[in-house]
N, C-alpha and C. Protein backbone atom coordinates (compact mmCIF):
# COMPACT_ATOMS: atom_id res chain seq x y z
N MET A 1 0.86 -1.19 0.00
CA MET A 1 0.00 0.00 0.00
C MET A 1 0.89 1.23 0.00
N ARG A 2 0.55 2.17 -0.84
CA ARG A 2 1.35 3.38 -0.92
C ARG A 2 1.22 4.21 0.35
N THR A 3 2.26 5.02 0.61
CA THR A 3 2.30 5.83 1.84
C THR A 3 1.11 6.76 1.93
N ARG A 4 0.76 7.40 0.78
CA ARG A 4 -0.37 8.33 0.79
C ARG A 4 -1.67 7.61 1.15
N ASP A 5 -1.88 6.41 0.56
CA ASP A 5 -3.10 5.64 0.85
C ASP A 5 -3.12 5.20 2.31
N ARG A 6 -1.93 4.78 2.79
CA ARG A 6 -1.85 4.34 4.19
C ARG A 6 -2.17 5.50 5.12
N THR A 7 -1.68 6.67 4.80
CA THR A 7 -1.94 7.86 5.62
C THR A 7 -3.43 8.19 5.62
N SER A 8 -4.08 8.08 4.47
CA SER A 8 -5.52 8.37 4.37
C SER A 8 -6.33 7.39 5.20
N VAL A 9 -5.95 6.11 5.12
CA VAL A 9 -6.67 5.08 5.89
C VAL A 9 -6.53 5.34 7.38
N ILE A 10 -5.30 5.68 7.80
CA ILE A 10 -5.07 5.96 9.23
C ILE A 10 -5.88 7.17 9.68
N ALA A 11 -5.90 8.21 8.83
CA ALA A 11 -6.66 9.43 9.17
C ALA A 11 -8.14 9.12 9.31
N ILE A 12 -8.67 8.36 8.37
CA ILE A 12 -10.10 7.99 8.43
C ILE A 12 -10.38 7.16 9.67
N ALA A 13 -9.46 6.24 9.98
CA ALA A 13 -9.65 5.39 11.17
C ALA A 13 -9.66 6.22 12.44
N LEU A 14 -8.79 7.22 12.49
CA LEU A 14 -8.74 8.10 13.65
C LEU A 14 -10.02 8.91 13.81
N VAL A 15 -10.55 9.39 12.67
CA VAL A 15 -11.81 10.14 12.71
C VAL A 15 -12.94 9.27 13.25
N PHE A 16 -13.03 8.03 12.75
CA PHE A 16 -14.09 7.13 13.22
C PHE A 16 -13.89 6.77 14.70
N ALA A 17 -12.63 6.58 15.10
CA ALA A 17 -12.35 6.25 16.49
C ALA A 17 -12.76 7.39 17.41
N SER A 18 -12.47 8.62 16.99
CA SER A 18 -12.84 9.79 17.79
C SER A 18 -14.35 9.93 17.88
N ALA A 19 -15.03 9.71 16.74
CA ALA A 19 -16.49 9.81 16.72
C ALA A 19 -17.11 8.75 17.61
N PHE A 20 -16.53 7.52 17.57
CA PHE A 20 -17.06 6.44 18.39
C PHE A 20 -16.87 6.75 19.87
N ALA A 21 -15.67 7.28 20.21
CA ALA A 21 -15.38 7.62 21.61
C ALA A 21 -16.34 8.69 22.11
N ALA A 22 -16.63 9.68 21.24
CA ALA A 22 -17.56 10.76 21.62
C ALA A 22 -18.95 10.21 21.81
N ALA A 23 -19.36 9.28 20.92
CA ALA A 23 -20.70 8.70 21.03
C ALA A 23 -20.81 7.83 22.26
N ALA A 24 -19.70 7.14 22.62
CA ALA A 24 -19.73 6.27 23.79
C ALA A 24 -19.76 7.07 25.09
N GLN A 25 -19.26 8.28 25.03
CA GLN A 25 -19.23 9.16 26.21
C GLN A 25 -20.64 9.69 26.46
N PRO A 26 -21.24 9.43 27.64
CA PRO A 26 -22.59 9.92 27.88
C PRO A 26 -22.64 11.45 27.86
N ALA A 27 -23.73 11.97 27.31
CA ALA A 27 -23.89 13.43 27.25
C ALA A 27 -24.04 13.97 28.66
N ASP A 28 -23.55 15.17 28.88
CA ASP A 28 -23.65 15.81 30.18
C ASP A 28 -25.12 16.17 30.42
N PRO A 29 -25.76 15.59 31.45
CA PRO A 29 -27.18 15.87 31.68
C PRO A 29 -27.43 17.27 32.26
N LEU A 30 -26.37 17.89 32.79
CA LEU A 30 -26.51 19.20 33.42
C LEU A 30 -25.44 20.14 32.87
N PRO A 31 -25.49 20.45 31.57
CA PRO A 31 -24.39 21.20 30.94
C PRO A 31 -24.18 22.62 31.45
N SER A 32 -25.21 23.26 31.97
CA SER A 32 -25.03 24.64 32.43
C SER A 32 -24.60 24.72 33.89
N TRP A 33 -24.50 23.57 34.57
CA TRP A 33 -24.06 23.54 35.97
C TRP A 33 -22.54 23.59 36.05
N ASN A 34 -22.01 24.29 37.05
CA ASN A 34 -20.58 24.23 37.32
C ASN A 34 -20.23 22.82 37.75
N ASP A 35 -19.08 22.35 37.34
CA ASP A 35 -18.67 20.99 37.69
C ASP A 35 -18.12 20.96 39.12
N GLY A 36 -19.02 21.16 40.06
CA GLY A 36 -18.64 21.21 41.46
C GLY A 36 -19.38 20.19 42.29
N LYS A 37 -19.37 20.41 43.60
CA LYS A 37 -19.95 19.45 44.54
C LYS A 37 -21.45 19.24 44.32
N ALA A 38 -22.18 20.34 44.07
CA ALA A 38 -23.64 20.22 43.90
C ALA A 38 -23.98 19.32 42.71
N LYS A 39 -23.35 19.58 41.58
CA LYS A 39 -23.62 18.78 40.38
C LYS A 39 -23.21 17.33 40.60
N GLN A 40 -22.04 17.12 41.18
CA GLN A 40 -21.56 15.76 41.42
C GLN A 40 -22.48 15.00 42.36
N SER A 41 -23.01 15.70 43.36
CA SER A 41 -23.93 15.06 44.32
C SER A 41 -25.22 14.65 43.64
N ILE A 42 -25.74 15.51 42.75
CA ILE A 42 -26.98 15.19 42.03
C ILE A 42 -26.79 13.97 41.16
N VAL A 43 -25.71 13.96 40.37
CA VAL A 43 -25.45 12.83 39.46
C VAL A 43 -25.26 11.55 40.26
N ALA A 44 -24.51 11.62 41.36
CA ALA A 44 -24.27 10.44 42.19
C ALA A 44 -25.58 9.93 42.79
N PHE A 45 -26.44 10.87 43.22
CA PHE A 45 -27.73 10.48 43.80
C PHE A 45 -28.59 9.77 42.76
N VAL A 46 -28.70 10.35 41.56
CA VAL A 46 -29.52 9.75 40.51
C VAL A 46 -28.99 8.36 40.15
N GLU A 47 -27.68 8.22 40.08
CA GLU A 47 -27.10 6.92 39.73
C GLU A 47 -27.42 5.86 40.78
N LYS A 48 -27.31 6.21 42.05
CA LYS A 48 -27.53 5.19 43.08
C LYS A 48 -29.01 4.82 43.25
N VAL A 49 -29.92 5.76 42.98
CA VAL A 49 -31.35 5.41 43.13
C VAL A 49 -31.92 4.74 41.88
N THR A 50 -31.16 4.77 40.78
CA THR A 50 -31.66 4.15 39.54
C THR A 50 -30.89 2.88 39.17
N THR A 51 -29.90 2.49 39.96
CA THR A 51 -29.10 1.30 39.66
C THR A 51 -29.67 0.09 40.40
N PRO A 52 -30.23 -0.88 39.65
CA PRO A 52 -30.74 -2.09 40.31
C PRO A 52 -29.63 -2.77 41.12
N GLY A 53 -29.99 -3.23 42.30
CA GLY A 53 -29.01 -3.87 43.17
C GLY A 53 -28.36 -2.91 44.15
N SER A 54 -28.47 -1.62 43.89
CA SER A 54 -27.93 -0.62 44.81
C SER A 54 -28.77 -0.62 46.08
N PRO A 55 -28.14 -0.46 47.23
CA PRO A 55 -28.93 -0.41 48.48
C PRO A 55 -29.87 0.80 48.52
N ASP A 56 -29.61 1.79 47.67
CA ASP A 56 -30.46 2.98 47.62
C ASP A 56 -31.41 2.98 46.43
N PHE A 57 -31.50 1.85 45.73
CA PHE A 57 -32.35 1.76 44.53
C PHE A 57 -33.81 2.08 44.88
N VAL A 58 -34.44 2.89 44.03
CA VAL A 58 -35.84 3.26 44.22
C VAL A 58 -36.62 2.83 42.98
N PRO A 59 -37.64 1.98 43.13
CA PRO A 59 -38.44 1.56 41.97
C PRO A 59 -39.08 2.77 41.29
N VAL A 60 -39.26 2.70 39.99
CA VAL A 60 -39.79 3.83 39.22
C VAL A 60 -41.07 4.40 39.81
N PRO A 61 -42.06 3.58 40.19
CA PRO A 61 -43.30 4.19 40.73
C PRO A 61 -43.09 5.02 41.98
N GLU A 62 -41.97 4.83 42.66
CA GLU A 62 -41.71 5.55 43.91
C GLU A 62 -40.74 6.72 43.73
N ARG A 63 -40.29 6.95 42.50
CA ARG A 63 -39.36 8.06 42.27
C ARG A 63 -40.15 9.36 42.09
N ILE A 64 -40.15 10.15 43.14
CA ILE A 64 -40.92 11.39 43.15
C ILE A 64 -40.00 12.54 43.56
N ALA A 65 -40.04 13.61 42.79
CA ALA A 65 -39.25 14.81 43.12
C ALA A 65 -40.20 15.99 43.23
N VAL A 66 -40.08 16.78 44.30
CA VAL A 66 -40.97 17.92 44.52
C VAL A 66 -40.12 19.18 44.68
N PHE A 67 -40.49 20.23 43.95
CA PHE A 67 -39.76 21.49 43.98
C PHE A 67 -40.69 22.64 44.34
N ASP A 68 -40.14 23.63 44.99
CA ASP A 68 -40.83 24.90 45.20
C ASP A 68 -40.62 25.73 43.94
N ASN A 69 -41.52 26.67 43.68
CA ASN A 69 -41.37 27.54 42.52
C ASN A 69 -40.42 28.71 42.78
N ASP A 70 -40.78 29.54 43.76
CA ASP A 70 -40.13 30.84 43.94
C ASP A 70 -38.65 30.72 44.25
N GLY A 71 -37.84 31.34 43.41
CA GLY A 71 -36.41 31.35 43.63
C GLY A 71 -35.74 30.03 43.33
N THR A 72 -36.51 29.00 43.02
CA THR A 72 -35.96 27.69 42.68
C THR A 72 -36.14 27.42 41.20
N LEU A 73 -37.37 27.52 40.73
CA LEU A 73 -37.64 27.26 39.32
C LEU A 73 -37.79 28.55 38.51
N TRP A 74 -38.24 29.62 39.17
CA TRP A 74 -38.38 30.89 38.46
C TRP A 74 -38.15 32.05 39.42
N CYS A 75 -38.18 33.25 38.85
CA CYS A 75 -37.79 34.44 39.62
C CYS A 75 -38.74 34.72 40.78
N GLU A 76 -38.20 35.40 41.78
CA GLU A 76 -39.04 35.84 42.91
C GLU A 76 -38.74 37.28 43.28
N GLN A 77 -38.03 37.98 42.42
CA GLN A 77 -37.67 39.38 42.68
C GLN A 77 -38.22 40.28 41.58
N PRO A 78 -38.70 41.46 41.85
CA PRO A 78 -38.75 42.07 43.18
C PRO A 78 -39.88 41.53 44.05
N LEU A 79 -40.80 40.78 43.45
CA LEU A 79 -41.89 40.15 44.21
C LEU A 79 -42.08 38.73 43.70
N PRO A 80 -42.61 37.84 44.54
CA PRO A 80 -42.96 36.51 44.04
C PRO A 80 -44.04 36.61 42.97
N VAL A 81 -44.01 35.68 42.03
CA VAL A 81 -44.98 35.69 40.93
C VAL A 81 -46.42 35.66 41.46
N GLN A 82 -46.64 34.89 42.52
CA GLN A 82 -47.99 34.79 43.09
C GLN A 82 -48.53 36.14 43.51
N LEU A 83 -47.64 37.01 43.99
CA LEU A 83 -48.10 38.32 44.44
C LEU A 83 -48.51 39.19 43.25
N TYR A 84 -47.80 39.05 42.14
CA TYR A 84 -48.21 39.77 40.93
C TYR A 84 -49.60 39.31 40.49
N PHE A 85 -49.87 38.03 40.65
CA PHE A 85 -51.20 37.50 40.33
C PHE A 85 -52.25 38.16 41.22
N VAL A 86 -51.96 38.26 42.51
CA VAL A 86 -52.89 38.88 43.46
C VAL A 86 -53.15 40.32 43.06
N VAL A 87 -52.09 41.07 42.74
CA VAL A 87 -52.25 42.47 42.35
C VAL A 87 -53.16 42.59 41.13
N ASP A 88 -52.91 41.77 40.12
CA ASP A 88 -53.73 41.84 38.90
C ASP A 88 -55.17 41.41 39.16
N ARG A 89 -55.36 40.44 40.04
CA ARG A 89 -56.73 40.00 40.35
C ARG A 89 -57.49 41.09 41.11
N VAL A 90 -56.80 41.78 42.03
CA VAL A 90 -57.45 42.87 42.77
C VAL A 90 -57.89 43.95 41.78
N LYS A 91 -57.04 44.29 40.83
CA LYS A 91 -57.40 45.29 39.83
C LYS A 91 -58.58 44.83 38.97
N ALA A 92 -58.60 43.54 38.63
CA ALA A 92 -59.68 43.01 37.80
C ALA A 92 -61.00 42.99 38.56
N LEU A 93 -60.94 42.76 39.86
CA LEU A 93 -62.16 42.66 40.68
C LEU A 93 -62.61 44.01 41.25
N ALA A 94 -61.76 45.01 41.19
CA ALA A 94 -62.04 46.31 41.80
C ALA A 94 -63.36 46.95 41.35
N PRO A 95 -63.74 46.87 40.06
CA PRO A 95 -65.01 47.48 39.66
C PRO A 95 -66.22 46.93 40.42
N GLN A 96 -66.11 45.69 40.91
CA GLN A 96 -67.20 45.08 41.67
C GLN A 96 -67.13 45.47 43.16
N HIS A 97 -66.06 46.16 43.55
CA HIS A 97 -65.87 46.52 44.96
C HIS A 97 -65.41 47.97 45.08
N PRO A 98 -66.31 48.92 44.89
CA PRO A 98 -65.94 50.34 44.98
C PRO A 98 -65.38 50.72 46.35
N GLU A 99 -65.73 49.96 47.39
CA GLU A 99 -65.23 50.26 48.74
C GLU A 99 -63.71 50.08 48.84
N TRP A 100 -63.13 49.31 47.91
CA TRP A 100 -61.68 49.08 47.95
C TRP A 100 -60.89 50.37 47.66
N GLN A 101 -61.51 51.33 47.05
CA GLN A 101 -60.80 52.57 46.74
C GLN A 101 -60.33 53.29 47.99
N THR A 102 -60.99 53.05 49.11
CA THR A 102 -60.62 53.73 50.36
C THR A 102 -60.28 52.75 51.49
N ARG A 103 -60.34 51.48 51.19
CA ARG A 103 -60.10 50.47 52.24
C ARG A 103 -58.76 49.78 52.01
N GLU A 104 -57.95 49.76 53.07
CA GLU A 104 -56.65 49.07 52.99
C GLU A 104 -56.83 47.57 53.25
N PRO A 105 -56.01 46.77 52.66
CA PRO A 105 -54.81 47.07 51.87
C PRO A 105 -55.09 47.33 50.39
N PHE A 106 -56.37 47.29 50.02
CA PHE A 106 -56.74 47.39 48.60
C PHE A 106 -56.44 48.76 48.01
N ALA A 107 -56.71 49.83 48.78
CA ALA A 107 -56.53 51.18 48.25
C ALA A 107 -55.08 51.41 47.80
N SER A 108 -54.14 51.02 48.62
CA SER A 108 -52.73 51.20 48.26
C SER A 108 -52.36 50.35 47.05
N LEU A 109 -52.87 49.12 47.05
CA LEU A 109 -52.55 48.22 45.94
C LEU A 109 -53.07 48.77 44.62
N LEU A 110 -54.27 49.34 44.65
CA LEU A 110 -54.86 49.91 43.44
C LEU A 110 -54.11 51.15 42.96
N LYS A 111 -53.38 51.79 43.88
CA LYS A 111 -52.56 52.94 43.50
C LYS A 111 -51.16 52.53 43.07
N GLY A 112 -50.91 51.23 43.11
CA GLY A 112 -49.59 50.74 42.72
C GLY A 112 -48.58 50.76 43.84
N ASP A 113 -49.03 51.00 45.06
CA ASP A 113 -48.12 51.08 46.20
C ASP A 113 -48.17 49.76 46.97
N VAL A 114 -47.43 48.79 46.49
CA VAL A 114 -47.44 47.45 47.09
C VAL A 114 -46.86 47.48 48.50
N LYS A 115 -45.82 48.27 48.70
CA LYS A 115 -45.17 48.34 50.01
C LYS A 115 -46.15 48.78 51.09
N SER A 116 -46.94 49.81 50.80
CA SER A 116 -47.92 50.27 51.79
C SER A 116 -49.04 49.25 51.97
N ALA A 117 -49.41 48.59 50.89
CA ALA A 117 -50.47 47.57 50.98
C ALA A 117 -50.05 46.44 51.90
N LEU A 118 -48.76 46.09 51.87
CA LEU A 118 -48.28 44.97 52.68
C LEU A 118 -47.80 45.40 54.06
N ALA A 119 -47.90 46.71 54.36
CA ALA A 119 -47.48 47.21 55.67
C ALA A 119 -48.31 46.60 56.79
N GLY A 120 -49.50 46.11 56.44
CA GLY A 120 -50.37 45.47 57.43
C GLY A 120 -49.94 44.07 57.79
N GLY A 121 -48.82 43.61 57.25
CA GLY A 121 -48.28 42.30 57.61
C GLY A 121 -49.10 41.14 57.08
N ASP A 122 -49.03 40.02 57.82
CA ASP A 122 -49.69 38.79 57.38
C ASP A 122 -51.20 38.97 57.24
N ARG A 123 -51.78 39.78 58.11
CA ARG A 123 -53.23 39.97 58.04
C ARG A 123 -53.64 40.60 56.71
N ALA A 124 -52.89 41.62 56.28
CA ALA A 124 -53.19 42.27 55.00
C ALA A 124 -52.98 41.30 53.85
N LEU A 125 -51.89 40.54 53.91
CA LEU A 125 -51.59 39.58 52.85
C LEU A 125 -52.68 38.52 52.76
N MET A 126 -53.11 38.00 53.90
CA MET A 126 -54.15 36.97 53.90
C MET A 126 -55.47 37.51 53.39
N GLU A 127 -55.74 38.77 53.69
CA GLU A 127 -56.98 39.38 53.19
C GLU A 127 -56.95 39.48 51.67
N LEU A 128 -55.79 39.85 51.13
CA LEU A 128 -55.65 39.94 49.68
C LEU A 128 -55.79 38.57 49.02
N PHE A 129 -55.17 37.57 49.63
CA PHE A 129 -55.27 36.22 49.07
C PHE A 129 -56.69 35.68 49.19
N ALA A 130 -57.38 36.03 50.27
CA ALA A 130 -58.74 35.53 50.47
C ALA A 130 -59.68 36.03 49.38
N VAL A 131 -59.59 37.32 49.03
CA VAL A 131 -60.53 37.85 48.04
C VAL A 131 -60.16 37.43 46.61
N THR A 132 -58.90 37.04 46.40
CA THR A 132 -58.49 36.68 45.03
C THR A 132 -58.45 35.18 44.80
N HIS A 133 -58.55 34.39 45.86
CA HIS A 133 -58.42 32.94 45.72
C HIS A 133 -59.65 32.16 46.19
N THR A 134 -60.71 32.86 46.56
CA THR A 134 -61.91 32.17 47.05
C THR A 134 -63.13 32.62 46.24
N GLY A 135 -64.26 31.96 46.54
CA GLY A 135 -65.52 32.34 45.89
C GLY A 135 -65.68 31.74 44.51
N MET A 136 -64.95 30.68 44.22
CA MET A 136 -65.05 30.02 42.91
C MET A 136 -64.68 28.56 43.08
N THR A 137 -64.99 27.76 42.07
CA THR A 137 -64.62 26.35 42.13
C THR A 137 -63.13 26.20 41.81
N SER A 138 -62.60 25.04 42.11
CA SER A 138 -61.18 24.77 41.80
C SER A 138 -60.93 24.88 40.30
N ASP A 139 -61.88 24.37 39.50
CA ASP A 139 -61.72 24.44 38.04
C ASP A 139 -61.74 25.88 37.55
N GLU A 140 -62.60 26.70 38.13
CA GLU A 140 -62.66 28.11 37.74
C GLU A 140 -61.36 28.83 38.09
N PHE A 141 -60.85 28.54 39.29
CA PHE A 141 -59.60 29.16 39.72
C PHE A 141 -58.45 28.73 38.81
N THR A 142 -58.42 27.45 38.50
CA THR A 142 -57.36 26.92 37.62
C THR A 142 -57.38 27.63 36.28
N GLN A 143 -58.55 27.85 35.73
CA GLN A 143 -58.65 28.51 34.43
C GLN A 143 -58.21 29.97 34.51
N ILE A 144 -58.58 30.64 35.60
CA ILE A 144 -58.16 32.04 35.79
C ILE A 144 -56.63 32.13 35.82
N VAL A 145 -56.02 31.21 36.56
CA VAL A 145 -54.56 31.19 36.66
C VAL A 145 -53.92 30.90 35.30
N LYS A 146 -54.46 29.92 34.60
CA LYS A 146 -53.91 29.57 33.27
C LYS A 146 -54.00 30.75 32.31
N ASP A 147 -55.13 31.43 32.32
CA ASP A 147 -55.31 32.58 31.43
C ASP A 147 -54.32 33.69 31.80
N TRP A 148 -54.13 33.89 33.11
CA TRP A 148 -53.24 34.96 33.56
C TRP A 148 -51.78 34.65 33.23
N ILE A 149 -51.33 33.45 33.59
CA ILE A 149 -49.92 33.12 33.43
C ILE A 149 -49.52 33.02 31.96
N ALA A 150 -50.47 32.81 31.08
CA ALA A 150 -50.16 32.70 29.64
C ALA A 150 -49.62 34.02 29.08
N THR A 151 -50.01 35.14 29.69
CA THR A 151 -49.60 36.44 29.14
C THR A 151 -48.92 37.35 30.15
N ALA A 152 -48.98 37.04 31.43
CA ALA A 152 -48.44 37.92 32.47
C ALA A 152 -46.93 38.13 32.29
N LYS A 153 -46.50 39.38 32.44
CA LYS A 153 -45.09 39.72 32.22
C LYS A 153 -44.45 40.34 33.45
N HIS A 154 -43.17 40.10 33.59
CA HIS A 154 -42.39 40.69 34.67
C HIS A 154 -42.29 42.20 34.43
N PRO A 155 -42.55 43.02 35.45
CA PRO A 155 -42.60 44.48 35.24
C PRO A 155 -41.25 45.11 34.88
N THR A 156 -40.16 44.45 35.25
CA THR A 156 -38.84 45.02 34.97
C THR A 156 -38.30 44.57 33.62
N THR A 157 -38.38 43.28 33.35
CA THR A 157 -37.79 42.74 32.11
C THR A 157 -38.75 42.81 30.93
N GLY A 158 -40.06 42.83 31.22
CA GLY A 158 -41.03 42.82 30.14
C GLY A 158 -41.22 41.44 29.51
N ARG A 159 -40.56 40.45 30.10
CA ARG A 159 -40.69 39.08 29.58
C ARG A 159 -41.78 38.34 30.33
N ARG A 160 -42.40 37.37 29.66
CA ARG A 160 -43.42 36.56 30.34
C ARG A 160 -42.78 35.82 31.51
N PHE A 161 -43.55 35.68 32.60
CA PHE A 161 -43.04 34.92 33.74
C PHE A 161 -42.68 33.50 33.32
N LEU A 162 -43.44 32.93 32.39
CA LEU A 162 -43.16 31.58 31.92
C LEU A 162 -41.79 31.47 31.25
N ASP A 163 -41.29 32.59 30.75
CA ASP A 163 -39.98 32.58 30.09
C ASP A 163 -38.85 32.92 31.05
N MET A 164 -39.18 33.24 32.28
CA MET A 164 -38.15 33.63 33.25
C MET A 164 -37.88 32.50 34.24
N THR A 165 -37.55 31.35 33.66
CA THR A 165 -37.19 30.19 34.47
C THR A 165 -35.67 30.03 34.41
N TYR A 166 -35.15 29.21 35.30
CA TYR A 166 -33.71 29.03 35.40
C TYR A 166 -33.27 27.82 34.59
N GLU A 167 -32.38 28.03 33.60
CA GLU A 167 -31.91 26.96 32.72
C GLU A 167 -31.35 25.77 33.50
N PRO A 168 -30.50 25.99 34.53
CA PRO A 168 -30.00 24.83 35.27
C PRO A 168 -31.11 23.98 35.88
N MET A 169 -32.18 24.65 36.35
CA MET A 169 -33.27 23.88 36.96
C MET A 169 -34.09 23.14 35.92
N LEU A 170 -34.26 23.74 34.73
CA LEU A 170 -34.94 23.03 33.65
C LEU A 170 -34.16 21.77 33.27
N GLU A 171 -32.84 21.89 33.26
CA GLU A 171 -32.00 20.71 32.97
C GLU A 171 -32.17 19.65 34.05
N LEU A 172 -32.22 20.09 35.31
CA LEU A 172 -32.39 19.14 36.41
C LEU A 172 -33.73 18.42 36.31
N LEU A 173 -34.80 19.16 36.02
CA LEU A 173 -36.11 18.53 35.89
C LEU A 173 -36.10 17.50 34.76
N ALA A 174 -35.49 17.86 33.63
CA ALA A 174 -35.42 16.94 32.50
C ALA A 174 -34.60 15.71 32.85
N TYR A 175 -33.51 15.90 33.57
CA TYR A 175 -32.63 14.80 33.98
C TYR A 175 -33.38 13.83 34.89
N LEU A 176 -34.13 14.37 35.84
CA LEU A 176 -34.89 13.51 36.75
C LEU A 176 -35.99 12.76 36.01
N ARG A 177 -36.69 13.45 35.11
CA ARG A 177 -37.74 12.78 34.33
C ARG A 177 -37.15 11.67 33.47
N ALA A 178 -36.00 11.94 32.84
CA ALA A 178 -35.37 10.94 31.98
C ALA A 178 -34.95 9.70 32.76
N ASN A 179 -34.82 9.86 34.07
CA ASN A 179 -34.44 8.73 34.92
C ASN A 179 -35.61 8.21 35.74
N GLY A 180 -36.82 8.45 35.24
CA GLY A 180 -38.01 7.82 35.80
C GLY A 180 -38.69 8.53 36.94
N SER A 181 -38.25 9.74 37.28
CA SER A 181 -38.90 10.45 38.38
C SER A 181 -40.15 11.17 37.91
N CYS A 182 -41.15 11.16 38.78
CA CYS A 182 -42.35 11.96 38.55
C CYS A 182 -42.12 13.28 39.28
N VAL A 183 -42.08 14.37 38.52
CA VAL A 183 -41.69 15.66 39.08
C VAL A 183 -42.92 16.51 39.37
N PHE A 184 -42.98 17.04 40.57
CA PHE A 184 -44.06 17.93 40.98
C PHE A 184 -43.46 19.26 41.42
N HIS A 185 -44.27 20.34 41.30
CA HIS A 185 -43.85 21.62 41.85
C HIS A 185 -45.04 22.24 42.54
N SER A 186 -44.76 23.08 43.54
CA SER A 186 -45.84 23.68 44.29
C SER A 186 -46.68 24.55 43.36
N GLY A 187 -47.99 24.51 43.55
CA GLY A 187 -48.92 25.13 42.62
C GLY A 187 -48.71 26.61 42.39
N CYS A 188 -48.95 27.04 41.17
CA CYS A 188 -48.78 28.44 40.79
C CYS A 188 -49.84 29.32 41.44
N CYS A 189 -49.42 30.53 41.79
CA CYS A 189 -50.34 31.57 42.26
C CYS A 189 -51.11 31.18 43.51
N GLY A 190 -50.43 30.48 44.43
CA GLY A 190 -51.04 30.21 45.72
C GLY A 190 -51.90 28.97 45.76
N ALA A 191 -52.00 28.22 44.67
CA ALA A 191 -52.76 26.98 44.72
C ALA A 191 -52.11 26.08 45.76
N SER A 192 -52.91 25.46 46.60
CA SER A 192 -52.35 24.71 47.71
C SER A 192 -51.88 23.32 47.29
N ALA A 193 -52.48 22.78 46.26
CA ALA A 193 -52.13 21.42 45.85
C ALA A 193 -50.84 21.45 45.01
N PHE A 194 -50.19 20.29 44.98
CA PHE A 194 -49.02 20.19 44.11
C PHE A 194 -49.49 19.94 42.69
N THR A 195 -48.72 20.45 41.75
CA THR A 195 -49.05 20.33 40.34
C THR A 195 -47.97 19.54 39.65
N ARG A 196 -48.36 18.54 38.86
CA ARG A 196 -47.37 17.76 38.16
C ARG A 196 -46.73 18.60 37.06
N SER A 197 -45.41 18.50 36.98
CA SER A 197 -44.68 19.28 35.97
C SER A 197 -44.99 18.77 34.58
N SER A 198 -45.00 19.70 33.63
CA SER A 198 -45.22 19.30 32.24
C SER A 198 -44.02 18.54 31.73
N THR A 199 -44.16 17.90 30.58
CA THR A 199 -43.08 17.10 30.03
C THR A 199 -42.20 17.92 29.10
N LYS A 200 -42.38 19.24 29.09
CA LYS A 200 -41.54 20.09 28.23
C LYS A 200 -40.10 20.01 28.71
């Protein structure tokens, strides 16, 4: 075999060997995570609960992961998303409650002064949640939330709240789902029940 042909064959073999090695190497399930202790702990945990014979093995039907929303899956600054929902619901319901124009905490909220509205502490907050989260069926409330979250935008960025999620956490949710976990997150906008995460 001529030297040029031999060189070409070796080059092709090296290309295929490199491609095979890359294919054999598992893809990084958490590419946006720093390669530190947190990432290593997550990967180690998933491996031990999904490896048959491991003392920590968890059968698929029992693999459940539950996450909080605020500050974990999406933004919570300058206010939690649920509070923006409350503010918008108070504004939507205000025409039916003219007394809110002079009654706190509603009066301040309708003027855009959230800080003053919440100066009443937990009592004021619970009053706001009571008028915006009661007086309807669960299905009606769910639809109101779905309609709101579909278009609601963060006041600073102008982006939809649905688009202001954290990429590392989306990767983690996908990684857990790919390994048989049923992922839940605490309900949007103050819903008390847990909501199963979508498969997106």
